[in-house]
Amino acid sequence: MTHGTPIRVEHTGIAVADFDAAESVLQVLGARKYVDDTGPDDGFRWAGYVIGDASRLELVTPLSDDNFIQTFLDRHGPGLHHVTFEVADMDAVIDACEANDLAVVDRAEYDTYEEAFLSPANPTGVLFQFMRYRDGYAEKYDSPDTYVNGMPVREAFADED
């Protein structure tokens, strides 16, 4: 079973202990920062970068010793943390994963987006984040780079329905 809903890679997340040093690498590569914020619980900092016209990376770093980013760094050191897919229909993607015995964990809804995670205990070994923008997200960050190619995936592929 597949989900049949628009989906695209939104960004790749990299966990880092030394934010400034990691950011300098992205700057050398020509990355342009479009957002710098803290997570929902203020336990971590995240910053999004665009390289070229639509390639996107995110740096995540802990702001305290007792959060999931610090746990990841303690176990694995800096490196690939997650790959985020922007999805048009969260329920359809989750239903498809679960129908194929893939564990979806930590679903949450916030004012301007919703997210869920495919456990890295899947055959790829990668933590996949699914996210869906809600109204108000673009206004919160007020950047032309907020969305890949300027619009949420559900709007970018609306004509294909």
Protein backbone atom coordinates (compact mmCIF):
# COMPACT_ATOMS: atom_id res chain seq x y z
CA MET A 1 0.00 0.00 0.00
CA THR A 2 1.25 3.46 -0.87
CA HIS A 3 -0.10 6.79 0.29
CA GLY A 4 -0.84 8.50 -3.07
CA THR A 5 -0.45 12.02 -1.65
CA PRO A 6 2.06 14.72 -2.63
CA ILE A 7 5.32 14.43 -0.69
CA ARG A 8 8.80 15.91 -1.06
CA VAL A 9 12.04 16.17 0.87
CA GLU A 10 11.76 19.39 2.87
CA HIS A 11 15.18 19.26 4.51
CA THR A 12 17.87 17.06 5.99
CA GLY A 13 18.63 17.65 9.67
CA ILE A 14 22.17 17.51 11.04
CA ALA A 15 22.82 17.28 14.78
CA VAL A 16 25.80 19.33 15.93
CA ALA A 17 27.49 20.10 19.23
CA ASP A 18 29.35 23.21 18.00
CA PHE A 19 26.76 25.25 16.15
CA ASP A 20 29.06 28.06 15.03
CA ALA A 21 31.65 25.70 13.60
CA ALA A 22 29.00 23.71 11.73
CA GLU A 23 27.37 26.87 10.40
CA SER A 24 30.72 28.05 9.04
CA VAL A 25 30.93 24.89 6.92
CA LEU A 26 27.51 25.61 5.44
CA GLN A 27 28.53 29.22 4.75
CA VAL A 28 31.60 28.03 2.83
CA LEU A 29 29.23 25.90 0.74
CA GLY A 30 27.13 28.96 -0.05
CA ALA A 31 24.20 28.23 2.26
CA ARG A 32 21.81 31.06 3.07
CA LYS A 33 20.15 30.98 6.50
CA TYR A 34 16.42 31.66 6.37
CA VAL A 35 15.34 30.80 9.91
CA ASP A 36 16.93 30.48 13.36
CA ASP A 37 14.63 29.41 16.19
CA THR A 38 14.17 27.08 19.14
CA GLY A 39 12.12 23.90 19.27
CA PRO A 40 8.67 23.68 20.82
CA ASP A 41 10.11 22.97 24.28
CA ASP A 42 13.05 25.41 23.88
CA GLY A 43 15.39 22.48 24.53
CA PHE A 44 17.13 22.79 21.18
CA ARG A 45 18.03 25.36 18.56
CA TRP A 46 17.36 24.80 14.90
CA ALA A 47 18.35 26.85 11.90
CA GLY A 48 17.33 26.29 8.29
CA TYR A 49 19.54 26.94 5.27
CA VAL A 50 18.96 27.02 1.52
CA ILE A 51 21.68 25.98 -0.92
CA GLY A 52 20.97 26.77 -4.54
CA ASP A 53 17.33 27.12 -5.51
CA ALA A 54 15.68 24.50 -3.30
CA SER A 55 18.20 22.29 -1.46
CA ARG A 56 17.70 22.68 2.26
CA LEU A 57 19.63 21.68 5.37
CA GLU A 58 18.88 22.18 9.04
CA LEU A 59 21.31 22.34 11.95
CA VAL A 60 19.98 21.21 15.33
CA THR A 61 21.89 21.65 18.56
CA PRO A 62 20.92 21.04 22.19
CA LEU A 63 20.27 23.94 24.56
CA SER A 64 20.20 21.67 27.60
CA ASP A 65 21.72 18.36 28.61
CA ASP A 66 18.43 16.48 28.87
CA ASN A 67 16.89 16.45 25.41
CA PHE A 68 16.78 14.18 22.39
CA ILE A 69 19.48 16.05 20.45
CA GLN A 70 21.96 15.71 23.31
CA THR A 71 21.06 12.02 23.64
CA PHE A 72 21.68 11.57 19.92
CA LEU A 73 25.05 13.36 20.11
CA ASP A 74 26.09 11.28 23.14
CA ARG A 75 25.31 8.06 21.25
CA HIS A 76 26.41 8.93 17.71
CA GLY A 77 28.34 12.20 17.71
CA PRO A 78 27.53 14.92 15.17
CA GLY A 79 25.98 13.93 11.88
CA LEU A 80 22.80 13.07 10.04
CA HIS A 81 19.89 13.22 12.48
CA HIS A 82 16.79 13.08 10.28
CA VAL A 83 15.30 13.53 6.85
CA THR A 84 12.09 15.55 6.76
CA PHE A 85 9.36 14.96 4.22
CA GLU A 86 6.71 17.61 3.76
CA VAL A 87 3.43 15.81 3.17
CA ALA A 88 0.09 17.06 1.89
CA ASP A 89 -1.95 14.52 3.87
CA MET A 90 -0.46 13.38 7.18
CA ASP A 91 -3.09 10.71 7.81
CA ALA A 92 -2.60 9.11 4.39
CA VAL A 93 1.17 8.81 4.85
CA ILE A 94 0.86 7.47 8.42
CA ASP A 95 -1.82 4.97 7.36
CA ALA A 96 0.42 3.71 4.53
CA CYS A 97 3.38 3.32 6.90
CA GLU A 98 1.34 1.45 9.48
CA ALA A 99 -0.25 -0.78 6.81
CA ASN A 100 3.31 -1.79 5.91
CA ASP A 101 4.32 -2.49 9.54
CA LEU A 102 6.44 0.66 9.85
CA ALA A 103 6.29 2.25 13.30
CA VAL A 104 5.18 5.88 13.35
CA VAL A 105 5.98 7.59 16.65
CA ASP A 106 5.67 10.96 18.33
CA ARG A 107 2.85 12.52 16.34
CA ALA A 108 2.24 16.10 17.49
CA GLU A 109 0.22 19.09 16.40
CA TYR A 110 1.31 22.68 16.90
CA ASP A 111 -0.25 26.00 15.94
CA THR A 112 1.54 26.28 12.60
CA TYR A 113 2.52 22.70 11.70
CA GLU A 114 2.03 19.06 12.54
CA GLU A 115 4.64 16.32 12.60
CA ALA A 116 5.20 12.63 13.10
CA PHE A 117 8.27 10.44 12.93
CA LEU A 118 8.99 7.09 11.31
CA SER A 119 11.12 5.21 13.81
CA PRO A 120 14.73 4.65 12.72
CA ALA A 121 14.13 0.99 13.58
CA ASN A 122 13.00 0.68 9.94
CA PRO A 123 15.17 -1.07 7.32
CA THR A 124 16.88 2.22 6.29
CA GLY A 125 18.04 3.00 9.84
CA VAL A 126 17.06 6.66 9.25
CA LEU A 127 14.72 8.77 11.36
CA PHE A 128 12.16 10.23 8.95
CA GLN A 129 10.11 13.22 10.02
CA PHE A 130 6.80 13.90 8.32
CA MET A 131 5.56 17.47 8.55
CA ARG A 132 2.59 19.36 7.24
CA TYR A 133 2.43 23.13 7.31
CA ARG A 134 -0.63 24.81 8.76
CA ASP A 135 -1.91 28.31 8.17
CA GLY A 136 0.29 30.91 9.84
CA TYR A 137 3.64 29.13 9.37
CA ALA A 138 4.87 31.48 6.64
CA GLU A 139 3.80 34.53 8.62
CA LYS A 140 5.67 33.28 11.70
CA TYR A 141 8.99 33.13 9.85
CA ASP A 142 8.32 35.82 7.24
CA SER A 143 10.94 34.62 4.79
CA PRO A 144 10.66 33.96 1.05
CA ASP A 145 12.54 30.70 1.71
CA THR A 146 9.99 29.36 4.20
CA TYR A 147 8.68 26.80 1.70
CA VAL A 148 10.55 24.73 -0.86
CA ASN A 149 10.00 26.55 -4.16
CA GLY A 150 7.78 29.13 -2.47
CA MET A 151 4.68 27.15 -1.50
CA PRO A 152 3.54 24.21 0.62
CA VAL A 153 3.50 20.85 -1.16
CA ARG A 154 -0.29 20.63 -0.97
CA GLU A 155 -0.52 23.83 -3.05
CA ALA A 156 2.40 23.03 -5.36
CA PHE A 157 0.73 19.82 -6.49
CA ALA A 158 -2.93 20.92 -6.21
CA ASP A 159 -3.42 20.76 -10.00
CA GLU A 160 -2.46 17.08 -10.02
CA ASP A 161 -5.50 16.02 -7.96
